[in-house]
C-alpha atoms as a PDB file:
ATOM      1  CA  UNK A   1     139.145   6.434  55.812  1.00  0.00           C
ATOM      2  CA  UNK A   2     138.241   9.864  57.149  1.00  0.00           C
ATOM      3  CA  UNK A   3     141.208  11.730  58.645  1.00  0.00           C
ATOM      4  CA  UNK A   4     139.263  12.730  61.746  1.00  0.00           C
ATOM      5  CA  UNK A   5     137.880   9.296  62.636  1.00  0.00           C
ATOM      6  CA  UNK A   6     139.158   7.612  65.859  1.00  0.00           C
ATOM      7  CA  UNK A   7     140.558   4.659  63.904  1.00  0.00           C
ATOM      8  CA  UNK A   8     142.469   6.977  61.596  1.00  0.00           C
ATOM      9  CA  UNK A   9     144.097   8.802  64.506  1.00  0.00           C
ATOM     10  CA  UNK A  10     145.025   5.716  66.522  1.00  0.00           C
ATOM     11  CA  UNK A  11     146.510   4.018  63.455  1.00  0.00           C
ATOM     12  CA  UNK A  12     148.568   6.924  62.157  1.00  0.00           C
ATOM     13  CA  UNK A  13     149.581   8.899  65.243  1.00  0.00           C
ATOM     14  CA  UNK A  14     151.942   8.199  68.151  1.00  0.00           C
ATOM     15  CA  UNK A  15     153.051  10.539  70.912  1.00  0.00           C
ATOM     16  CA  UNK A  16     156.763  10.938  71.615  1.00  0.00           C
ATOM     17  CA  UNK A  17     157.468  12.597  74.976  1.00  0.00           C
ATOM     18  CA  UNK A  18     160.940  13.401  76.308  1.00  0.00           C
ATOM     19  CA  UNK A  19     162.167  14.438  79.736  1.00  0.00           C
ATOM     20  CA  UNK A  20     165.597  15.307  81.115  1.00  0.00           C
ATOM     21  CA  UNK A  21     166.531  13.745  84.433  1.00  0.00           C
ATOM     22  CA  UNK A  22     168.520  15.491  87.146  1.00  0.00           C
ATOM     23  CA  UNK A  23     171.740  14.085  85.668  1.00  0.00           C
ATOM     24  CA  UNK A  24     170.846  14.940  82.072  1.00  0.00           C
ATOM     25  CA  UNK A  25     169.639  11.409  81.364  1.00  0.00           C
ATOM     26  CA  UNK A  26     166.914  11.188  78.764  1.00  0.00           C
ATOM     27  CA  UNK A  27     163.606   9.390  79.103  1.00  0.00           C
ATOM     28  CA  UNK A  28     161.782   8.539  75.893  1.00  0.00           C
ATOM     29  CA  UNK A  29     158.075   7.878  76.176  1.00  0.00           C
ATOM     30  CA  UNK A  30     156.106   6.359  73.342  1.00  0.00           C
ATOM     31  CA  UNK A  31     152.308   6.461  73.835  1.00  0.00           C
ATOM     32  CA  UNK A  32     150.182   4.584  71.317  1.00  0.00           C
ATOM     33  CA  UNK A  33     146.973   6.387  72.354  1.00  0.00           C
ATOM     34  CA  UNK A  34     147.596   9.975  73.470  1.00  0.00           C
ATOM     35  CA  UNK A  35     145.067  11.924  75.518  1.00  0.00           C
ATOM     36  CA  UNK A  36     145.112  14.542  78.270  1.00  0.00           C
ATOM     37  CA  UNK A  37     145.115  12.021  81.140  1.00  0.00           C
ATOM     38  CA  UNK A  38     147.818   9.747  79.710  1.00  0.00           C
ATOM     39  CA  UNK A  39     150.165  12.618  78.815  1.00  0.00           C
ATOM     40  CA  UNK A  40     149.773  14.248  82.234  1.00  0.00           C
ATOM     41  CA  UNK A  41     150.381  10.914  84.003  1.00  0.00           C
ATOM     42  CA  UNK A  42     153.355  10.181  81.759  1.00  0.00           C
ATOM     43  CA  UNK A  43     154.901  13.567  82.462  1.00  0.00           C
ATOM     44  CA  UNK A  44     154.480  13.207  86.244  1.00  0.00           C
ATOM     45  CA  UNK A  45     155.890   9.688  86.301  1.00  0.00           C
ATOM     46  CA  UNK A  46     158.889  10.479  84.150  1.00  0.00           C
ATOM     47  CA  UNK A  47     159.787  13.489  86.299  1.00  0.00           C
ATOM     48  CA  UNK A  48     159.751  11.180  89.349  1.00  0.00           C
ATOM     49  CA  UNK A  49     162.156   8.926  87.409  1.00  0.00           C
ATOM     50  CA  UNK A  50     159.750   5.971  87.705  1.00  0.00           C
ATOM     51  CA  UNK A  51     159.002   3.375  85.074  1.00  0.00           C
ATOM     52  CA  UNK A  52     155.461   3.345  83.760  1.00  0.00           C
ATOM     53  CA  UNK A  53     155.604   0.718  81.041  1.00  0.00           C
ATOM     54  CA  UNK A  54     152.089  -0.396  80.103  1.00  0.00           C
ATOM     55  CA  UNK A  55     150.086  -1.836  77.230  1.00  0.00           C
ATOM     56  CA  UNK A  56     149.937   1.536  75.460  1.00  0.00           C
ATOM     57  CA  UNK A  57     153.215   3.044  76.665  1.00  0.00           C
ATOM     58  CA  UNK A  58     156.837   2.149  75.915  1.00  0.00           C
ATOM     59  CA  UNK A  59     159.372   3.754  78.262  1.00  0.00           C
ATOM     60  CA  UNK A  60     163.025   4.060  77.202  1.00  0.00           C
ATOM     61  CA  UNK A  61     165.772   5.519  79.361  1.00  0.00           C
ATOM     62  CA  UNK A  62     169.158   6.684  78.104  1.00  0.00           C
ATOM     63  CA  UNK A  63     172.339   6.697  80.201  1.00  0.00           C
ATOM     64  CA  UNK A  64     173.370   9.978  81.795  1.00  0.00           C
ATOM     65  CA  UNK A  65     175.035  12.732  79.760  1.00  0.00           C
ATOM     66  CA  UNK A  66     174.141  11.335  76.333  1.00  0.00           C
ATOM     67  CA  UNK A  67     172.305  14.492  75.268  1.00  0.00           C
ATOM     68  CA  UNK A  68     168.800  15.108  74.038  1.00  0.00           C
ATOM     69  CA  UNK A  69     169.320  14.073  70.429  1.00  0.00           C
ATOM     70  CA  UNK A  70     170.537  10.579  71.243  1.00  0.00           C
ATOM     71  CA  UNK A  71     167.299  10.068  73.172  1.00  0.00           C
ATOM     72  CA  UNK A  72     165.198  11.586  70.394  1.00  0.00           C
ATOM     73  CA  UNK A  73     166.729   9.244  67.828  1.00  0.00           C
ATOM     74  CA  UNK A  74     165.983   6.252  70.058  1.00  0.00           C
ATOM     75  CA  UNK A  75     162.375   7.293  70.637  1.00  0.00           C
ATOM     76  CA  UNK A  76     161.752   8.102  66.979  1.00  0.00           C
ATOM     77  CA  UNK A  77     163.247   4.786  65.870  1.00  0.00           C
ATOM     78  CA  UNK A  78     160.417   2.996  67.704  1.00  0.00           C
ATOM     79  CA  UNK A  79     157.603   4.927  65.998  1.00  0.00           C
ATOM     80  CA  UNK A  80     155.805   2.903  63.333  1.00  0.00           C
ATOM     81  CA  UNK A  81     152.868   5.205  62.584  1.00  0.00           C
ATOM     82  CA  UNK A  82     152.623   7.650  59.683  1.00  0.00           C
ATOM     83  CA  UNK A  83     152.807  10.665  62.019  1.00  0.00           C
ATOM     84  CA  UNK A  84     154.162  11.351  65.497  1.00  0.00           C
ATOM     85  CA  UNK A  85     153.492  14.180  67.946  1.00  0.00           C
ATOM     86  CA  UNK A  86     156.515  15.531  69.804  1.00  0.00           C
ATOM     87  CA  UNK A  87     156.484  17.565  73.019  1.00  0.00           C
ATOM     88  CA  UNK A  88     158.378  18.020  76.300  1.00  0.00           C
ATOM     89  CA  UNK A  89     157.564  16.374  79.618  1.00  0.00           C
ATOM     90  CA  UNK A  90     156.016  19.527  81.103  1.00  0.00           C
ATOM     91  CA  UNK A  91     153.396  19.940  78.369  1.00  0.00           C
ATOM     92  CA  UNK A  92     149.873  18.514  78.337  1.00  0.00           C
ATOM     93  CA  UNK A  93     147.508  17.865  75.430  1.00  0.00           C
ATOM     94  CA  UNK A  94     144.155  19.604  75.963  1.00  0.00           C
ATOM     95  CA  UNK A  95     140.969  20.233  74.001  1.00  0.00           C
ATOM     96  CA  UNK A  96     142.720  23.208  72.365  1.00  0.00           C
ATOM     97  CA  UNK A  97     145.402  20.981  70.825  1.00  0.00           C
ATOM     98  CA  UNK A  98     142.916  19.757  68.182  1.00  0.00           C
ATOM     99  CA  UNK A  99     145.012  16.819  67.062  1.00  0.00           C
ATOM    100  CA  UNK A 100     142.465  15.765  64.440  1.00  0.00           C
ATOM    101  CA  UNK A 101     142.848  19.098  62.634  1.00  0.00           C
ATOM    102  CA  UNK A 102     146.637  18.795  62.630  1.00  0.00           C
ATOM    103  CA  UNK A 103     146.451  15.291  61.144  1.00  0.00           C
ATOM    104  CA  UNK A 104     143.972  16.496  58.541  1.00  0.00           C
ATOM    105  CA  UNK A 105     146.268  19.393  57.593  1.00  0.00           C
ATOM    106  CA  UNK A 106     149.244  17.108  56.906  1.00  0.00           C
ATOM    107  CA  UNK A 107     146.990  14.674  55.037  1.00  0.00           C
ATOM    108  CA  UNK A 108     145.637  17.350  52.712  1.00  0.00           C
ATOM    109  CA  UNK A 109     148.821  19.322  51.994  1.00  0.00           C
ATOM    110  CA  UNK A 110     152.437  18.717  51.021  1.00  0.00           C
ATOM    111  CA  UNK A 111     153.703  19.925  54.406  1.00  0.00           C
ATOM    112  CA  UNK A 112     155.741  17.521  56.544  1.00  0.00           C
ATOM    113  CA  UNK A 113     155.524  19.207  59.959  1.00  0.00           C
ATOM    114  CA  UNK A 114     153.082  21.516  61.740  1.00  0.00           C
ATOM    115  CA  UNK A 115     153.806  23.183  65.074  1.00  0.00           C
ATOM    116  CA  UNK A 116     151.413  24.375  67.762  1.00  0.00           C
ATOM    117  CA  UNK A 117     151.649  27.022  70.461  1.00  0.00           C
ATOM    118  CA  UNK A 118     151.964  27.076  74.238  1.00  0.00           C
ATOM    119  CA  UNK A 119     148.752  28.654  75.484  1.00  0.00           C
ATOM    120  CA  UNK A 120     148.829  31.996  73.620  1.00  0.00           C
ATOM    121  CA  UNK A 121     152.447  31.839  72.359  1.00  0.00           C
ATOM    122  CA  UNK A 122     153.190  30.426  68.881  1.00  0.00           C
ATOM    123  CA  UNK A 123     156.714  31.794  68.137  1.00  0.00           C
ATOM    124  CA  UNK A 124     157.307  30.639  64.543  1.00  0.00           C
ATOM    125  CA  UNK A 125     160.614  31.547  62.872  1.00  0.00           C
ATOM    126  CA  UNK A 126     162.036  31.998  59.387  1.00  0.00           C
ATOM    127  CA  UNK A 127     165.702  31.770  58.383  1.00  0.00           C
ATOM    128  CA  UNK A 128     167.544  34.095  56.009  1.00  0.00           C
ATOM    129  CA  UNK A 129     170.703  32.711  54.382  1.00  0.00           C
ATOM    130  CA  UNK A 130     173.439  35.306  53.774  1.00  0.00           C
ATOM    131  CA  UNK A 131     177.011  35.150  52.468  1.00  0.00           C
ATOM    132  CA  UNK A 132     178.941  33.845  49.465  1.00  0.00           C
ATOM    133  CA  UNK A 133     180.857  30.739  48.374  1.00  0.00           C
ATOM    134  CA  UNK A 134     183.377  30.998  51.211  1.00  0.00           C
ATOM    135  CA  UNK A 135     181.367  32.496  54.076  1.00  0.00           C
ATOM    136  CA  UNK A 136     177.811  31.716  55.053  1.00  0.00           C
ATOM    137  CA  UNK A 137     175.527  32.931  57.795  1.00  0.00           C
ATOM    138  CA  UNK A 138     171.935  32.082  58.679  1.00  0.00           C
ATOM    139  CA  UNK A 139     169.923  34.823  60.356  1.00  0.00           C
ATOM    140  CA  UNK A 140     166.904  33.898  62.460  1.00  0.00           C
ATOM    141  CA  UNK A 141     163.893  36.167  61.872  1.00  0.00           C
ATOM    142  CA  UNK A 142     161.167  35.841  64.543  1.00  0.00           C
ATOM    143  CA  UNK A 143     159.229  38.874  63.275  1.00  0.00           C
ATOM    144  CA  UNK A 144     156.867  38.235  61.616  1.00  0.00           C
ATOM    145  CA  UNK A 145     158.176  34.652  61.793  1.00  0.00           C
ATOM    146  CA  UNK A 146     156.383  33.288  58.731  1.00  0.00           C
ATOM    147  CA  UNK A 147     156.319  33.671  54.948  1.00  0.00           C
ATOM    148  CA  UNK A 148     152.599  33.569  54.276  1.00  0.00           C
ATOM    149  CA  UNK A 149     149.342  31.995  55.337  1.00  0.00           C
ATOM    150  CA  UNK A 150     148.810  28.553  53.814  1.00  0.00           C
ATOM    151  CA  UNK A 151     146.172  28.853  51.095  1.00  0.00           C
ATOM    152  CA  UNK A 152     142.913  27.203  52.132  1.00  0.00           C
ATOM    153  CA  UNK A 153     143.959  26.940  55.800  1.00  0.00           C
ATOM    154  CA  UNK A 154     143.278  30.215  57.650  1.00  0.00           C
ATOM    155  CA  UNK A 155     145.430  30.620  60.745  1.00  0.00           C
ATOM    156  CA  UNK A 156     148.180  28.236  59.562  1.00  0.00           C
ATOM    157  CA  UNK A 157     151.421  29.831  58.352  1.00  0.00           C
ATOM    158  CA  UNK A 158     154.445  28.581  56.389  1.00  0.00           C
ATOM    159  CA  UNK A 159     157.809  29.086  58.129  1.00  0.00           C
ATOM    160  CA  UNK A 160     161.141  27.363  58.808  1.00  0.00           C
ATOM    161  CA  UNK A 161     161.054  26.480  62.518  1.00  0.00           C
ATOM    162  CA  UNK A 162     158.538  26.106  65.344  1.00  0.00           C
ATOM    163  CA  UNK A 163     158.557  25.438  69.083  1.00  0.00           C
ATOM    164  CA  UNK A 164     159.390  21.920  70.256  1.00  0.00           C
ATOM    165  CA  UNK A 165     155.726  20.881  70.083  1.00  0.00           C
ATOM    166  CA  UNK A 166     154.772  19.576  66.679  1.00  0.00           C
ATOM    167  CA  UNK A 167     153.102  16.889  64.589  1.00  0.00           C
ATOM    168  CA  UNK A 168     155.348  15.510  61.855  1.00  0.00           C
ATOM    169  CA  UNK A 169     155.678  12.855  59.191  1.00  0.00           C
ATOM    170  CA  UNK A 170     157.640  10.007  60.762  1.00  0.00           C
ATOM    171  CA  UNK A 171     159.590   9.004  57.658  1.00  0.00           C
ATOM    172  CA  UNK A 172     160.482  12.577  56.716  1.00  0.00           C
ATOM    173  CA  UNK A 173     161.685  13.404  60.239  1.00  0.00           C
ATOM    174  CA  UNK A 174     163.740  10.203  60.361  1.00  0.00           C
ATOM    175  CA  UNK A 175     165.365  11.185  57.051  1.00  0.00           C
ATOM    176  CA  UNK A 176     166.585  14.443  58.613  1.00  0.00           C
ATOM    177  CA  UNK A 177     167.454  12.870  61.969  1.00  0.00           C
ATOM    178  CA  UNK A 178     168.838  14.397  65.138  1.00  0.00           C
ATOM    179  CA  UNK A 179     172.586  15.026  65.355  1.00  0.00           C
ATOM    180  CA  UNK A 180     173.821  13.389  68.599  1.00  0.00           C
ATOM    181  CA  UNK A 181     177.116  15.338  68.714  1.00  0.00           C
ATOM    182  CA  UNK A 182     177.619  16.364  72.374  1.00  0.00           C
ATOM    183  CA  UNK A 183     178.300  19.999  71.487  1.00  0.00           C
ATOM    184  CA  UNK A 184     174.886  20.195  69.843  1.00  0.00           C
ATOM    185  CA  UNK A 185     173.049  18.249  72.538  1.00  0.00           C
ATOM    186  CA  UNK A 186     171.908  21.327  74.463  1.00  0.00           C
ATOM    187  CA  UNK A 187     170.969  23.486  71.472  1.00  0.00           C
ATOM    188  CA  UNK A 188     169.634  20.642  69.375  1.00  0.00           C
ATOM    189  CA  UNK A 189     166.170  21.992  68.668  1.00  0.00           C
ATOM    190  CA  UNK A 190     167.472  24.741  66.390  1.00  0.00           C
ATOM    191  CA  UNK A 191     169.949  22.365  64.779  1.00  0.00           C
ATOM    192  CA  UNK A 192     167.147  20.028  63.680  1.00  0.00           C
ATOM    193  CA  UNK A 193     165.357  22.779  61.784  1.00  0.00           C
ATOM    194  CA  UNK A 194     168.598  24.060  60.248  1.00  0.00           C
ATOM    195  CA  UNK A 195     169.285  20.541  58.979  1.00  0.00           C
ATOM    196  CA  UNK A 196     165.708  20.414  57.684  1.00  0.00           C
ATOM    197  CA  UNK A 197     166.039  23.575  55.565  1.00  0.00           C
ATOM    198  CA  UNK A 198     165.123  22.698  51.988  1.00  0.00           C
ATOM    199  CA  UNK A 199     164.071  19.199  53.065  1.00  0.00           C
ATOM    200  CA  UNK A 200     161.009  19.631  55.297  1.00  0.00           C
ATOM    201  CA  UNK A 201     158.065  21.917  54.635  1.00  0.00           C
ATOM    202  CA  UNK A 202     157.164  23.455  58.001  1.00  0.00           C
ATOM    203  CA  UNK A 203     154.039  25.283  59.172  1.00  0.00           C
ATOM    204  CA  UNK A 204     152.667  26.701  62.434  1.00  0.00           C
ATOM    205  CA  UNK A 205     149.030  26.576  63.542  1.00  0.00           C
ATOM    206  CA  UNK A 206     147.850  29.648  65.453  1.00  0.00           C
ATOM    207  CA  UNK A 207     144.672  28.099  66.894  1.00  0.00           C
ATOM    208  CA  UNK A 208     146.118  24.841  68.302  1.00  0.00           C
ATOM    209  CA  UNK A 209     148.004  24.787  71.607  1.00  0.00           C
ATOM    210  CA  UNK A 210     149.152  22.668  74.543  1.00  0.00           C
ATOM    211  CA  UNK A 211     149.202  23.551  78.232  1.00  0.00           C
ATOM    212  CA  UNK A 212     152.578  24.264  79.826  1.00  0.00           C
ATOM    213  CA  UNK A 213     152.889  22.968  83.405  1.00  0.00           C
ATOM    214  CA  UNK A 214     155.287  25.360  85.083  1.00  0.00           C
ATOM    215  CA  UNK A 215     156.852  25.061  88.530  1.00  0.00           C
ATOM    216  CA  UNK A 216     158.005  22.116  90.598  1.00  0.00           C
ATOM    217  CA  UNK A 217     161.453  21.214  91.945  1.00  0.00           C
ATOM    218  CA  UNK A 218     164.431  22.042  89.730  1.00  0.00           C
ATOM    219  CA  UNK A 219     167.592  19.873  89.961  1.00  0.00           C
ATOM    220  CA  UNK A 220     170.635  21.730  91.244  1.00  0.00           C
ATOM    221  CA  UNK A 221     172.595  21.319  88.003  1.00  0.00           C
ATOM    222  CA  UNK A 222     169.662  22.179  85.695  1.00  0.00           C
ATOM    223  CA  UNK A 223     170.914  25.671  84.805  1.00  0.00           C
ATOM    224  CA  UNK A 224     174.355  24.295  84.003  1.00  0.00           C
ATOM    225  CA  UNK A 225     172.927  22.187  81.189  1.00  0.00           C
ATOM    226  CA  UNK A 226     170.112  24.507  80.109  1.00  0.00           C
ATOM    227  CA  UNK A 227     172.313  27.612  79.801  1.00  0.00           C
ATOM    228  CA  UNK A 228     175.722  26.801  78.269  1.00  0.00           C
ATOM    229  CA  UNK A 229     178.712  28.589  79.788  1.00  0.00           C
ATOM    230  CA  UNK A 230     181.409  30.562  77.940  1.00  0.00           C
ATOM    231  CA  UNK A 231     183.727  27.568  77.610  1.00  0.00           C
ATOM    232  CA  UNK A 232     180.970  25.483  76.006  1.00  0.00           C
ATOM    233  CA  UNK A 233     180.147  28.309  73.576  1.00  0.00           C
ATOM    234  CA  UNK A 234     183.828  28.636  72.624  1.00  0.00           C
ATOM    235  CA  UNK A 235     183.941  24.927  71.733  1.00  0.00           C
ATOM    236  CA  UNK A 236     180.757  25.313  69.722  1.00  0.00           C
ATOM    237  CA  UNK A 237     182.216  28.206  67.705  1.00  0.00           C
ATOM    238  CA  UNK A 238     185.133  25.982  66.664  1.00  0.00           C
ATOM    239  CA  UNK A 239     182.700  23.272  65.586  1.00  0.00           C
ATOM    240  CA  UNK A 240     180.359  25.474  63.548  1.00  0.00           C
ATOM    241  CA  UNK A 241     182.472  25.643  60.324  1.00  0.00           C
ATOM    242  CA  UNK A 242     182.070  21.866  60.016  1.00  0.00           C
ATOM    243  CA  UNK A 243     178.321  22.333  59.702  1.00  0.00           C
ATOM    244  CA  UNK A 244     178.452  25.440  57.456  1.00  0.00           C
END
């Protein structure tokens, strides 16, 4: 079956959308048929904390303070298609997302995950491992942020990490998983790609993008969870040797 046909996309692709509530509760949204209208409606409904279960949408809600990764694991566990598309609740699929090209890229290569940009921002990253047998350090290198252009796919670059908007192989992502430890819950996006080093082949597509819907009311305790304080960072530093 052709990778760009409607049947191919609906059979092998699900959308996984996540949103944080005002009390850090996590909403997992699983859309069987993703398009601009459904993703925009899903994002608006989830931010109002309403249920919008329907024939093509499964809505899961985690208890408060469980962290993002617990919700991601729940949402991903319900995906049965070959690929899934992950993004946040304030992002919208548009004609520039070019989902068919992303599916075709994963079909035709040995890559497991391909990221897209937000409007004109791609922000890929590579990691450099330093140290010896007793001490290790991983340095994040955002410039240039990639190793090389993927042969045969102009504008797509091999790297180690992308923004939290990507198409990925369901089974491969499940094999890596999302660590639900509470100290990693607020910095989990980087942790996923660190865990995936040497296990997932990652790329970034420079000509595919989603729209970022900025603005709207912000819960009073949003900054507290988005920007960890000194005490949280001190706890994290004690935890890091466990994951070295």
